[in-house]
Amino acid sequence: MSLIIKNDNLLKDIKVIENEKFFDERGFFSKIFHKEIKKNLKINIDEIFYSVNKKGVIRGIHYQKKDKQLGKIVGCLDGEILDFFIDLRKDSETYGKFSSEIINSKNNISIFLPEGFGHGFSVLSKSATVIYLQSGDYDPKHEGGINPLSIDFDWNVDDPILSERDSNHPRFNLNNQEFKL
């Protein structure tokens, strides 16, 4: 199985993983994680989650704080999302910069986010099933968030649906020490 990993056009540490699909009369088969990915990205997967989301949902922007930061691989098993990532590493030359990528069940890509990035997505299709593979264990005591509507970014949804928690996260400000990981 071949593996193509390319850099994001703005944030060099974000990797776009192009997964192969194999089709036959039954449908298709695709690996989303294997030892080549683990070796190339230097990530150990400790937890795997998935979420099923309605059109217009915005999840995030979430991150884990300093001692509990997580690396992540995000994919979309069904539907289509606009995946968003922001560099929160305080010493990074791209601190506060963000980028995005459309992920869907047709393009079959995954996004690798190293530690120190905030992550969110919006659902563009009727529904979307999103899978997250992450290093380390999610710890709610070390969770942080940014109100996604405080970022000057087009989430490409008309009537955003946010959780109360995500709506109540602080607005992003480059000078806020809470956002410097």
N, C-alpha and C. Protein backbone atom coordinates (compact mmCIF):
# COMPACT_ATOMS: atom_id res chain seq x y z
N MET A 1 0.85 -1.18 0.00
CA MET A 1 0.00 0.00 0.00
C MET A 1 0.89 1.24 0.00
N SER A 2 0.67 2.11 -0.94
CA SER A 2 1.52 3.30 -0.98
C SER A 2 0.98 4.37 -0.04
N LEU A 3 1.84 5.27 0.29
CA LEU A 3 1.50 6.35 1.21
C LEU A 3 2.08 7.64 0.65
N ILE A 4 1.23 8.63 0.52
CA ILE A 4 1.70 9.93 0.07
C ILE A 4 1.40 10.92 1.18
N ILE A 5 2.43 11.57 1.67
CA ILE A 5 2.26 12.59 2.70
C ILE A 5 2.80 13.89 2.13
N LYS A 6 1.96 14.92 2.14
CA LYS A 6 2.42 16.22 1.65
C LYS A 6 2.19 17.27 2.72
N ASN A 7 2.94 18.33 2.65
CA ASN A 7 2.80 19.42 3.61
C ASN A 7 1.60 20.27 3.26
N ASP A 8 0.98 20.84 4.28
CA ASP A 8 -0.05 21.86 4.08
C ASP A 8 0.64 23.06 3.43
N ASN A 9 -0.10 23.81 2.64
CA ASN A 9 0.52 24.92 1.91
C ASN A 9 0.93 26.09 2.80
N LEU A 10 0.40 26.19 4.01
CA LEU A 10 0.73 27.32 4.88
C LEU A 10 1.48 26.88 6.13
N LEU A 11 1.01 25.82 6.75
CA LEU A 11 1.58 25.37 8.02
C LEU A 11 2.38 24.10 7.78
N LYS A 12 3.70 24.23 7.70
CA LYS A 12 4.56 23.14 7.23
C LYS A 12 4.50 21.88 8.08
N ASP A 13 4.11 21.98 9.34
CA ASP A 13 4.08 20.79 10.19
C ASP A 13 2.78 20.00 10.08
N ILE A 14 1.79 20.56 9.40
CA ILE A 14 0.54 19.84 9.12
C ILE A 14 0.80 18.96 7.90
N LYS A 15 0.39 17.72 7.98
CA LYS A 15 0.59 16.79 6.86
C LYS A 15 -0.75 16.32 6.33
N VAL A 16 -0.86 16.26 5.02
CA VAL A 16 -2.04 15.72 4.36
C VAL A 16 -1.66 14.31 3.90
N ILE A 17 -2.40 13.32 4.38
CA ILE A 17 -2.12 11.92 4.06
C ILE A 17 -3.12 11.48 3.00
N GLU A 18 -2.61 11.05 1.86
CA GLU A 18 -3.47 10.55 0.79
C GLU A 18 -3.52 9.03 0.88
N ASN A 19 -4.65 8.52 1.35
CA ASN A 19 -4.82 7.08 1.52
C ASN A 19 -5.34 6.46 0.23
N GLU A 20 -4.80 5.29 -0.11
CA GLU A 20 -5.27 4.58 -1.29
C GLU A 20 -6.60 3.92 -1.01
N LYS A 21 -7.42 3.78 -2.07
CA LYS A 21 -8.68 3.06 -2.01
C LYS A 21 -8.61 1.93 -3.02
N PHE A 22 -9.12 0.77 -2.62
CA PHE A 22 -9.18 -0.38 -3.52
C PHE A 22 -10.64 -0.73 -3.73
N PHE A 23 -11.08 -0.71 -4.98
CA PHE A 23 -12.48 -0.95 -5.32
C PHE A 23 -12.67 -2.33 -5.93
N ASP A 24 -13.81 -2.94 -5.64
CA ASP A 24 -14.27 -4.12 -6.35
C ASP A 24 -15.80 -4.13 -6.31
N GLU A 25 -16.41 -5.23 -6.72
CA GLU A 25 -17.87 -5.30 -6.79
C GLU A 25 -18.55 -5.13 -5.43
N ARG A 26 -17.83 -5.31 -4.34
CA ARG A 26 -18.41 -5.19 -3.00
C ARG A 26 -18.42 -3.75 -2.49
N GLY A 27 -17.57 -2.91 -3.05
CA GLY A 27 -17.40 -1.54 -2.56
C GLY A 27 -15.93 -1.17 -2.60
N PHE A 28 -15.40 -0.68 -1.48
CA PHE A 28 -13.99 -0.34 -1.45
C PHE A 28 -13.39 -0.66 -0.09
N PHE A 29 -12.06 -0.66 -0.07
CA PHE A 29 -11.28 -0.92 1.13
C PHE A 29 -10.18 0.13 1.20
N SER A 30 -9.90 0.63 2.39
CA SER A 30 -8.83 1.61 2.56
C SER A 30 -8.26 1.50 3.97
N LYS A 31 -6.94 1.57 4.06
CA LYS A 31 -6.28 1.64 5.37
C LYS A 31 -6.11 3.11 5.72
N ILE A 32 -6.45 3.46 6.97
CA ILE A 32 -6.26 4.85 7.38
C ILE A 32 -5.07 5.02 8.32
N PHE A 33 -4.55 3.90 8.83
CA PHE A 33 -3.36 3.98 9.68
C PHE A 33 -2.59 2.68 9.56
N HIS A 34 -1.27 2.79 9.42
CA HIS A 34 -0.40 1.62 9.37
C HIS A 34 1.01 2.05 9.77
N LYS A 35 1.90 1.08 9.86
CA LYS A 35 3.23 1.35 10.42
C LYS A 35 4.01 2.39 9.63
N GLU A 36 3.77 2.50 8.33
CA GLU A 36 4.47 3.51 7.53
C GLU A 36 4.07 4.92 7.99
N ILE A 37 2.79 5.11 8.28
CA ILE A 37 2.32 6.41 8.78
C ILE A 37 2.94 6.67 10.15
N LYS A 38 2.89 5.66 11.02
CA LYS A 38 3.45 5.79 12.37
C LYS A 38 4.93 6.19 12.30
N LYS A 39 5.67 5.53 11.42
CA LYS A 39 7.11 5.80 11.28
C LYS A 39 7.37 7.20 10.71
N ASN A 40 6.68 7.55 9.64
CA ASN A 40 6.91 8.84 8.99
C ASN A 40 6.47 10.03 9.83
N LEU A 41 5.40 9.86 10.59
CA LEU A 41 4.87 10.98 11.37
C LEU A 41 5.31 10.95 12.83
N LYS A 42 5.96 9.85 13.20
CA LYS A 42 6.43 9.70 14.59
C LYS A 42 5.29 9.92 15.59
N ILE A 43 4.20 9.16 15.38
CA ILE A 43 3.04 9.28 16.25
C ILE A 43 2.67 7.90 16.78
N ASN A 44 2.38 7.84 18.07
CA ASN A 44 1.84 6.63 18.69
C ASN A 44 0.37 6.89 18.98
N ILE A 45 -0.48 6.03 18.48
CA ILE A 45 -1.93 6.21 18.66
C ILE A 45 -2.36 5.53 19.95
N ASP A 46 -2.99 6.30 20.84
CA ASP A 46 -3.48 5.78 22.11
C ASP A 46 -5.00 5.72 22.18
N GLU A 47 -5.68 6.58 21.45
CA GLU A 47 -7.14 6.60 21.47
C GLU A 47 -7.67 6.84 20.07
N ILE A 48 -8.83 6.24 19.80
CA ILE A 48 -9.54 6.47 18.54
C ILE A 48 -10.98 6.81 18.89
N PHE A 49 -11.46 7.91 18.33
CA PHE A 49 -12.84 8.36 18.53
C PHE A 49 -13.49 8.53 17.16
N TYR A 50 -14.82 8.53 17.15
CA TYR A 50 -15.51 9.00 15.96
C TYR A 50 -16.74 9.77 16.39
N SER A 51 -17.18 10.67 15.53
CA SER A 51 -18.39 11.44 15.80
C SER A 51 -19.25 11.45 14.55
N VAL A 52 -20.56 11.46 14.76
CA VAL A 52 -21.52 11.58 13.67
C VAL A 52 -22.17 12.95 13.83
N ASN A 53 -22.18 13.73 12.77
CA ASN A 53 -22.53 15.14 12.85
C ASN A 53 -23.53 15.54 11.78
N LYS A 54 -24.38 16.50 12.11
CA LYS A 54 -25.37 17.04 11.18
C LYS A 54 -24.77 18.17 10.35
N LYS A 55 -25.42 18.44 9.21
CA LYS A 55 -25.02 19.58 8.37
C LYS A 55 -25.08 20.86 9.19
N GLY A 56 -24.07 21.70 9.03
CA GLY A 56 -24.03 22.98 9.72
C GLY A 56 -23.35 22.96 11.07
N VAL A 57 -23.01 21.76 11.56
CA VAL A 57 -22.32 21.66 12.85
C VAL A 57 -20.90 22.21 12.72
N ILE A 58 -20.48 22.96 13.72
CA ILE A 58 -19.07 23.33 13.87
C ILE A 58 -18.62 22.75 15.20
N ARG A 59 -17.61 21.88 15.16
CA ARG A 59 -17.01 21.32 16.38
C ARG A 59 -15.65 21.98 16.57
N GLY A 60 -15.39 22.39 17.80
CA GLY A 60 -14.09 22.98 18.09
C GLY A 60 -14.25 24.48 18.26
N ILE A 61 -13.17 25.06 18.40
CA ILE A 61 -11.78 24.67 18.19
C ILE A 61 -11.24 24.15 19.53
N HIS A 62 -10.70 22.94 19.52
CA HIS A 62 -10.24 22.29 20.75
C HIS A 62 -8.73 22.06 20.72
N TYR A 63 -8.16 22.00 21.92
CA TYR A 63 -6.75 21.64 22.08
C TYR A 63 -6.55 21.14 23.50
N GLN A 64 -5.44 20.47 23.75
CA GLN A 64 -5.06 20.06 25.10
C GLN A 64 -3.92 20.97 25.55
N LYS A 65 -3.96 21.35 26.81
CA LYS A 65 -2.99 22.32 27.34
C LYS A 65 -1.60 21.71 27.52
N LYS A 66 -0.66 22.57 27.82
CA LYS A 66 0.78 22.33 27.80
C LYS A 66 1.28 20.92 28.07
N ASP A 67 1.06 20.36 29.26
CA ASP A 67 1.67 19.05 29.55
C ASP A 67 0.88 17.88 28.96
N LYS A 68 -0.28 18.12 28.42
CA LYS A 68 -1.14 17.04 27.92
C LYS A 68 -1.48 17.20 26.45
N GLN A 69 -0.60 17.85 25.70
CA GLN A 69 -0.87 18.07 24.28
C GLN A 69 -0.96 16.75 23.53
N LEU A 70 -1.75 16.75 22.46
CA LEU A 70 -1.97 15.54 21.67
C LEU A 70 -1.66 15.78 20.20
N GLY A 71 -1.08 14.77 19.56
CA GLY A 71 -1.01 14.75 18.11
C GLY A 71 -2.28 14.05 17.63
N LYS A 72 -2.69 14.34 16.39
CA LYS A 72 -3.96 13.82 15.89
C LYS A 72 -3.89 13.50 14.42
N ILE A 73 -4.63 12.48 14.02
CA ILE A 73 -4.92 12.24 12.62
C ILE A 73 -6.44 12.27 12.50
N VAL A 74 -6.93 13.09 11.58
CA VAL A 74 -8.38 13.28 11.41
C VAL A 74 -8.76 12.86 10.00
N GLY A 75 -9.84 12.07 9.90
CA GLY A 75 -10.36 11.66 8.60
C GLY A 75 -11.87 11.73 8.59
N CYS A 76 -12.44 11.67 7.42
CA CYS A 76 -13.90 11.71 7.26
C CYS A 76 -14.32 10.42 6.56
N LEU A 77 -15.04 9.56 7.28
CA LEU A 77 -15.43 8.26 6.75
C LEU A 77 -16.67 8.35 5.86
N ASP A 78 -17.53 9.32 6.14
CA ASP A 78 -18.75 9.49 5.36
C ASP A 78 -19.13 10.96 5.38
N GLY A 79 -19.51 11.50 4.24
CA GLY A 79 -19.89 12.90 4.17
C GLY A 79 -18.70 13.78 3.83
N GLU A 80 -18.81 15.07 4.21
CA GLU A 80 -17.77 16.04 3.87
C GLU A 80 -17.65 17.09 4.97
N ILE A 81 -16.40 17.39 5.32
CA ILE A 81 -16.14 18.43 6.32
C ILE A 81 -15.10 19.41 5.80
N LEU A 82 -15.12 20.59 6.40
CA LEU A 82 -14.06 21.57 6.22
C LEU A 82 -13.25 21.51 7.50
N ASP A 83 -12.06 20.92 7.42
CA ASP A 83 -11.21 20.71 8.59
C ASP A 83 -10.35 21.95 8.80
N PHE A 84 -10.26 22.41 10.04
CA PHE A 84 -9.60 23.66 10.39
C PHE A 84 -8.53 23.39 11.43
N PHE A 85 -7.37 24.03 11.30
CA PHE A 85 -6.29 23.87 12.27
C PHE A 85 -5.57 25.19 12.44
N ILE A 86 -5.19 25.46 13.70
CA ILE A 86 -4.52 26.72 14.03
C ILE A 86 -3.28 26.41 14.88
N ASP A 87 -2.18 27.04 14.54
CA ASP A 87 -0.92 26.83 15.26
C ASP A 87 -0.95 27.62 16.57
N LEU A 88 -0.87 26.90 17.70
CA LEU A 88 -0.87 27.53 19.02
C LEU A 88 0.47 27.37 19.73
N ARG A 89 1.49 26.92 19.01
CA ARG A 89 2.82 26.76 19.62
C ARG A 89 3.46 28.13 19.77
N LYS A 90 3.66 28.54 21.01
CA LYS A 90 4.08 29.93 21.30
C LYS A 90 5.38 30.33 20.62
N ASP A 91 6.30 29.41 20.39
CA ASP A 91 7.58 29.75 19.79
C ASP A 91 7.63 29.49 18.28
N SER A 92 6.50 29.17 17.70
CA SER A 92 6.45 28.85 16.28
C SER A 92 6.40 30.13 15.44
N GLU A 93 7.07 30.09 14.30
CA GLU A 93 7.01 31.24 13.38
C GLU A 93 5.61 31.40 12.77
N THR A 94 4.78 30.37 12.88
CA THR A 94 3.42 30.46 12.35
C THR A 94 2.37 30.50 13.46
N TYR A 95 2.79 30.91 14.68
CA TYR A 95 1.83 31.02 15.79
C TYR A 95 0.64 31.90 15.37
N GLY A 96 -0.57 31.40 15.63
CA GLY A 96 -1.79 32.16 15.32
C GLY A 96 -2.25 32.04 13.89
N LYS A 97 -1.44 31.44 13.03
CA LYS A 97 -1.84 31.23 11.63
C LYS A 97 -2.71 29.98 11.57
N PHE A 98 -3.61 29.97 10.60
CA PHE A 98 -4.49 28.81 10.46
C PHE A 98 -4.65 28.45 8.99
N SER A 99 -5.15 27.25 8.78
CA SER A 99 -5.39 26.75 7.44
C SER A 99 -6.53 25.75 7.52
N SER A 100 -6.94 25.25 6.37
CA SER A 100 -8.05 24.30 6.35
C SER A 100 -7.91 23.39 5.14
N GLU A 101 -8.68 22.33 5.17
CA GLU A 101 -8.66 21.35 4.08
C GLU A 101 -10.03 20.69 4.03
N ILE A 102 -10.55 20.51 2.83
CA ILE A 102 -11.79 19.75 2.66
C ILE A 102 -11.42 18.27 2.75
N ILE A 103 -12.14 17.55 3.60
CA ILE A 103 -11.95 16.10 3.72
C ILE A 103 -13.31 15.46 3.47
N ASN A 104 -13.32 14.44 2.64
CA ASN A 104 -14.58 13.74 2.40
C ASN A 104 -14.32 12.28 2.09
N SER A 105 -15.40 11.54 1.95
CA SER A 105 -15.27 10.10 1.72
C SER A 105 -14.77 9.80 0.31
N LYS A 106 -14.76 10.78 -0.57
CA LYS A 106 -14.27 10.56 -1.93
C LYS A 106 -12.77 10.84 -2.06
N ASN A 107 -12.30 11.95 -1.48
CA ASN A 107 -10.87 12.27 -1.64
C ASN A 107 -9.99 11.41 -0.72
N ASN A 108 -10.60 10.81 0.31
CA ASN A 108 -9.93 9.80 1.13
C ASN A 108 -8.60 10.28 1.72
N ILE A 109 -8.56 11.54 2.13
CA ILE A 109 -7.35 12.04 2.78
C ILE A 109 -7.58 12.11 4.29
N SER A 110 -6.49 12.14 5.01
CA SER A 110 -6.49 12.38 6.45
C SER A 110 -5.53 13.53 6.70
N ILE A 111 -5.73 14.21 7.82
CA ILE A 111 -4.86 15.32 8.19
C ILE A 111 -4.14 14.96 9.48
N PHE A 112 -2.82 15.13 9.48
CA PHE A 112 -2.02 14.94 10.69
C PHE A 112 -1.74 16.31 11.30
N LEU A 113 -2.10 16.44 12.58
CA LEU A 113 -1.80 17.66 13.34
C LEU A 113 -0.87 17.28 14.48
N PRO A 114 0.33 17.86 14.53
CA PRO A 114 1.22 17.56 15.65
C PRO A 114 0.73 18.25 16.93
N GLU A 115 1.38 17.95 18.02
CA GLU A 115 1.06 18.62 19.29
C GLU A 115 1.16 20.13 19.10
N GLY A 116 0.29 20.86 19.80
CA GLY A 116 0.37 22.31 19.78
C GLY A 116 -0.56 22.99 18.79
N PHE A 117 -1.45 22.23 18.18
CA PHE A 117 -2.41 22.81 17.24
C PHE A 117 -3.81 22.71 17.80
N GLY A 118 -4.62 23.74 17.54
CA GLY A 118 -6.04 23.69 17.81
C GLY A 118 -6.73 23.10 16.59
N HIS A 119 -7.86 22.45 16.81
CA HIS A 119 -8.54 21.76 15.72
C HIS A 119 -10.05 21.95 15.81
N GLY A 120 -10.66 22.09 14.66
CA GLY A 120 -12.12 22.13 14.57
C GLY A 120 -12.54 21.77 13.16
N PHE A 121 -13.83 21.61 12.96
CA PHE A 121 -14.33 21.36 11.61
C PHE A 121 -15.78 21.78 11.51
N SER A 122 -16.21 22.02 10.27
CA SER A 122 -17.62 22.27 9.99
C SER A 122 -18.11 21.19 9.03
N VAL A 123 -19.39 20.87 9.14
CA VAL A 123 -19.99 19.81 8.32
C VAL A 123 -20.66 20.44 7.12
N LEU A 124 -20.23 20.04 5.93
CA LEU A 124 -20.73 20.61 4.68
C LEU A 124 -21.81 19.76 4.04
N SER A 125 -21.84 18.48 4.35
CA SER A 125 -22.81 17.56 3.75
C SER A 125 -23.99 17.36 4.70
N LYS A 126 -24.97 16.56 4.27
CA LYS A 126 -26.16 16.31 5.10
C LYS A 126 -25.76 15.76 6.47
N SER A 127 -24.75 14.93 6.50
CA SER A 127 -24.16 14.43 7.74
C SER A 127 -22.72 14.04 7.44
N ALA A 128 -21.94 13.84 8.49
CA ALA A 128 -20.54 13.43 8.30
C ALA A 128 -20.09 12.61 9.50
N THR A 129 -19.38 11.53 9.21
CA THR A 129 -18.78 10.70 10.25
C THR A 129 -17.28 10.97 10.22
N VAL A 130 -16.79 11.49 11.35
CA VAL A 130 -15.39 11.91 11.44
C VAL A 130 -14.67 11.01 12.43
N ILE A 131 -13.47 10.56 12.05
CA ILE A 131 -12.66 9.70 12.92
C ILE A 131 -11.42 10.48 13.36
N TYR A 132 -11.05 10.31 14.63
CA TYR A 132 -9.88 10.98 15.21
C TYR A 132 -8.99 9.90 15.81
N LEU A 133 -7.75 9.83 15.41
CA LEU A 133 -6.76 8.96 16.03
C LEU A 133 -5.82 9.89 16.77
N GLN A 134 -5.60 9.67 18.06
CA GLN A 134 -4.75 10.62 18.76
C GLN A 134 -3.75 9.97 19.70
N SER A 135 -2.63 10.68 19.84
CA SER A 135 -1.58 10.26 20.77
C SER A 135 -1.99 10.75 22.15
N GLY A 136 -1.71 9.97 23.16
CA GLY A 136 -2.08 10.38 24.51
C GLY A 136 -3.56 10.21 24.76
N ASP A 137 -3.94 10.37 26.01
CA ASP A 137 -5.33 10.22 26.41
C ASP A 137 -5.97 11.58 26.57
N TYR A 138 -7.18 11.70 26.05
CA TYR A 138 -7.96 12.92 26.24
C TYR A 138 -8.15 13.13 27.74
N ASP A 139 -7.90 14.33 28.21
CA ASP A 139 -8.05 14.65 29.63
C ASP A 139 -8.85 15.94 29.75
N PRO A 140 -10.12 15.84 30.18
CA PRO A 140 -10.97 17.04 30.23
C PRO A 140 -10.41 18.14 31.14
N LYS A 141 -9.58 17.77 32.13
CA LYS A 141 -9.00 18.79 33.01
C LYS A 141 -7.97 19.66 32.28
N HIS A 142 -7.45 19.16 31.18
CA HIS A 142 -6.42 19.89 30.43
C HIS A 142 -6.92 20.36 29.07
N GLU A 143 -8.23 20.36 28.91
CA GLU A 143 -8.80 20.78 27.64
C GLU A 143 -8.88 22.29 27.55
N GLY A 144 -8.64 22.81 26.37
CA GLY A 144 -8.81 24.22 26.10
C GLY A 144 -9.63 24.39 24.84
N GLY A 145 -10.13 25.58 24.63
CA GLY A 145 -10.92 25.81 23.44
C GLY A 145 -10.95 27.28 23.05
N ILE A 146 -11.28 27.49 21.80
CA ILE A 146 -11.43 28.82 21.22
C ILE A 146 -12.80 28.87 20.58
N ASN A 147 -13.54 29.93 20.80
CA ASN A 147 -14.82 30.08 20.13
C ASN A 147 -14.55 30.15 18.62
N PRO A 148 -15.08 29.20 17.84
CA PRO A 148 -14.74 29.16 16.42
C PRO A 148 -15.23 30.39 15.64
N LEU A 149 -16.28 31.03 16.12
CA LEU A 149 -16.81 32.18 15.40
C LEU A 149 -16.00 33.45 15.67
N SER A 150 -15.00 33.35 16.56
CA SER A 150 -14.15 34.51 16.85
C SER A 150 -12.95 34.59 15.91
N ILE A 151 -12.77 33.58 15.09
CA ILE A 151 -11.68 33.55 14.12
C ILE A 151 -12.20 34.12 12.80
N ASP A 152 -11.42 34.92 12.13
CA ASP A 152 -11.82 35.47 10.83
C ASP A 152 -11.66 34.39 9.76
N PHE A 153 -12.64 33.49 9.74
CA PHE A 153 -12.57 32.31 8.87
C PHE A 153 -13.98 31.99 8.39
N ASP A 154 -14.11 31.64 7.12
CA ASP A 154 -15.41 31.25 6.56
C ASP A 154 -15.60 29.75 6.74
N TRP A 155 -16.46 29.38 7.68
CA TRP A 155 -16.73 27.97 7.99
C TRP A 155 -17.61 27.33 6.93
N ASN A 156 -18.10 28.12 5.99
CA ASN A 156 -18.89 27.62 4.86
C ASN A 156 -20.21 26.97 5.31
N VAL A 157 -20.81 27.49 6.37
CA VAL A 157 -22.14 27.04 6.80
C VAL A 157 -23.02 28.27 7.01
N ASP A 158 -24.30 28.15 6.66
CA ASP A 158 -25.22 29.28 6.78
C ASP A 158 -25.70 29.51 8.21
N ASP A 159 -26.15 28.45 8.85
CA ASP A 159 -26.67 28.55 10.22
C ASP A 159 -25.88 27.61 11.11
N PRO A 160 -24.74 28.09 11.66
CA PRO A 160 -23.87 27.21 12.43
C PRO A 160 -24.56 26.63 13.67
N ILE A 161 -24.29 25.36 13.91
CA ILE A 161 -24.77 24.67 15.10
C ILE A 161 -23.55 24.39 15.97
N LEU A 162 -23.50 25.03 17.15
CA LEU A 162 -22.38 24.85 18.07
C LEU A 162 -22.91 24.32 19.39
N SER A 163 -22.08 23.56 20.08
CA SER A 163 -22.45 23.16 21.43
C SER A 163 -22.37 24.39 22.33
N GLU A 164 -23.04 24.31 23.46
CA GLU A 164 -22.96 25.42 24.43
C GLU A 164 -21.52 25.62 24.88
N ARG A 165 -20.83 24.50 25.08
CA ARG A 165 -19.43 24.57 25.53
C ARG A 165 -18.57 25.31 24.51
N ASP A 166 -18.68 24.94 23.22
CA ASP A 166 -17.87 25.60 22.20
C ASP A 166 -18.24 27.08 22.05
N SER A 167 -19.52 27.39 22.19
CA SER A 167 -19.97 28.79 22.12
C SER A 167 -19.40 29.63 23.25
N ASN A 168 -19.16 28.99 24.39
CA ASN A 168 -18.67 29.71 25.57
C ASN A 168 -17.15 29.76 25.69
N HIS A 169 -16.44 29.12 24.77
CA HIS A 169 -14.98 29.23 24.80
C HIS A 169 -14.59 30.69 24.55
N PRO A 170 -13.43 31.11 25.06
CA PRO A 170 -13.01 32.50 24.85
C PRO A 170 -12.74 32.81 23.38
N ARG A 171 -12.86 34.08 23.06
CA ARG A 171 -12.54 34.56 21.71
C ARG A 171 -11.02 34.50 21.51
N PHE A 172 -10.60 34.22 20.30
CA PHE A 172 -9.16 34.13 20.03
C PHE A 172 -8.53 35.52 20.04
N ASN A 173 -7.38 35.60 20.70
CA ASN A 173 -6.58 36.82 20.76
C ASN A 173 -5.12 36.38 20.79
N LEU A 174 -4.32 36.89 19.86
CA LEU A 174 -2.91 36.50 19.77
C LEU A 174 -2.14 36.72 21.06
N ASN A 175 -2.56 37.67 21.86
CA ASN A 175 -1.83 38.01 23.08
C ASN A 175 -2.29 37.24 24.31
N ASN A 176 -3.35 36.46 24.18
CA ASN A 176 -3.87 35.70 25.32
C ASN A 176 -2.93 34.53 25.62
N GLN A 177 -2.33 34.54 26.81
CA GLN A 177 -1.36 33.50 27.19
C GLN A 177 -1.99 32.11 27.21
N GLU A 178 -3.29 32.04 27.44
CA GLU A 178 -3.98 30.75 27.47
C GLU A 178 -3.84 30.00 26.14
N PHE A 179 -3.73 30.74 25.04
CA PHE A 179 -3.64 30.13 23.72
C PHE A 179 -2.21 29.85 23.29
N LYS A 180 -1.23 30.12 24.13
CA LYS A 180 0.17 29.89 23.77
C LYS A 180 0.64 28.61 24.42
N LEU A 181 0.77 27.57 23.63
CA LEU A 181 1.13 26.25 24.16
C LEU A 181 2.63 26.01 24.13
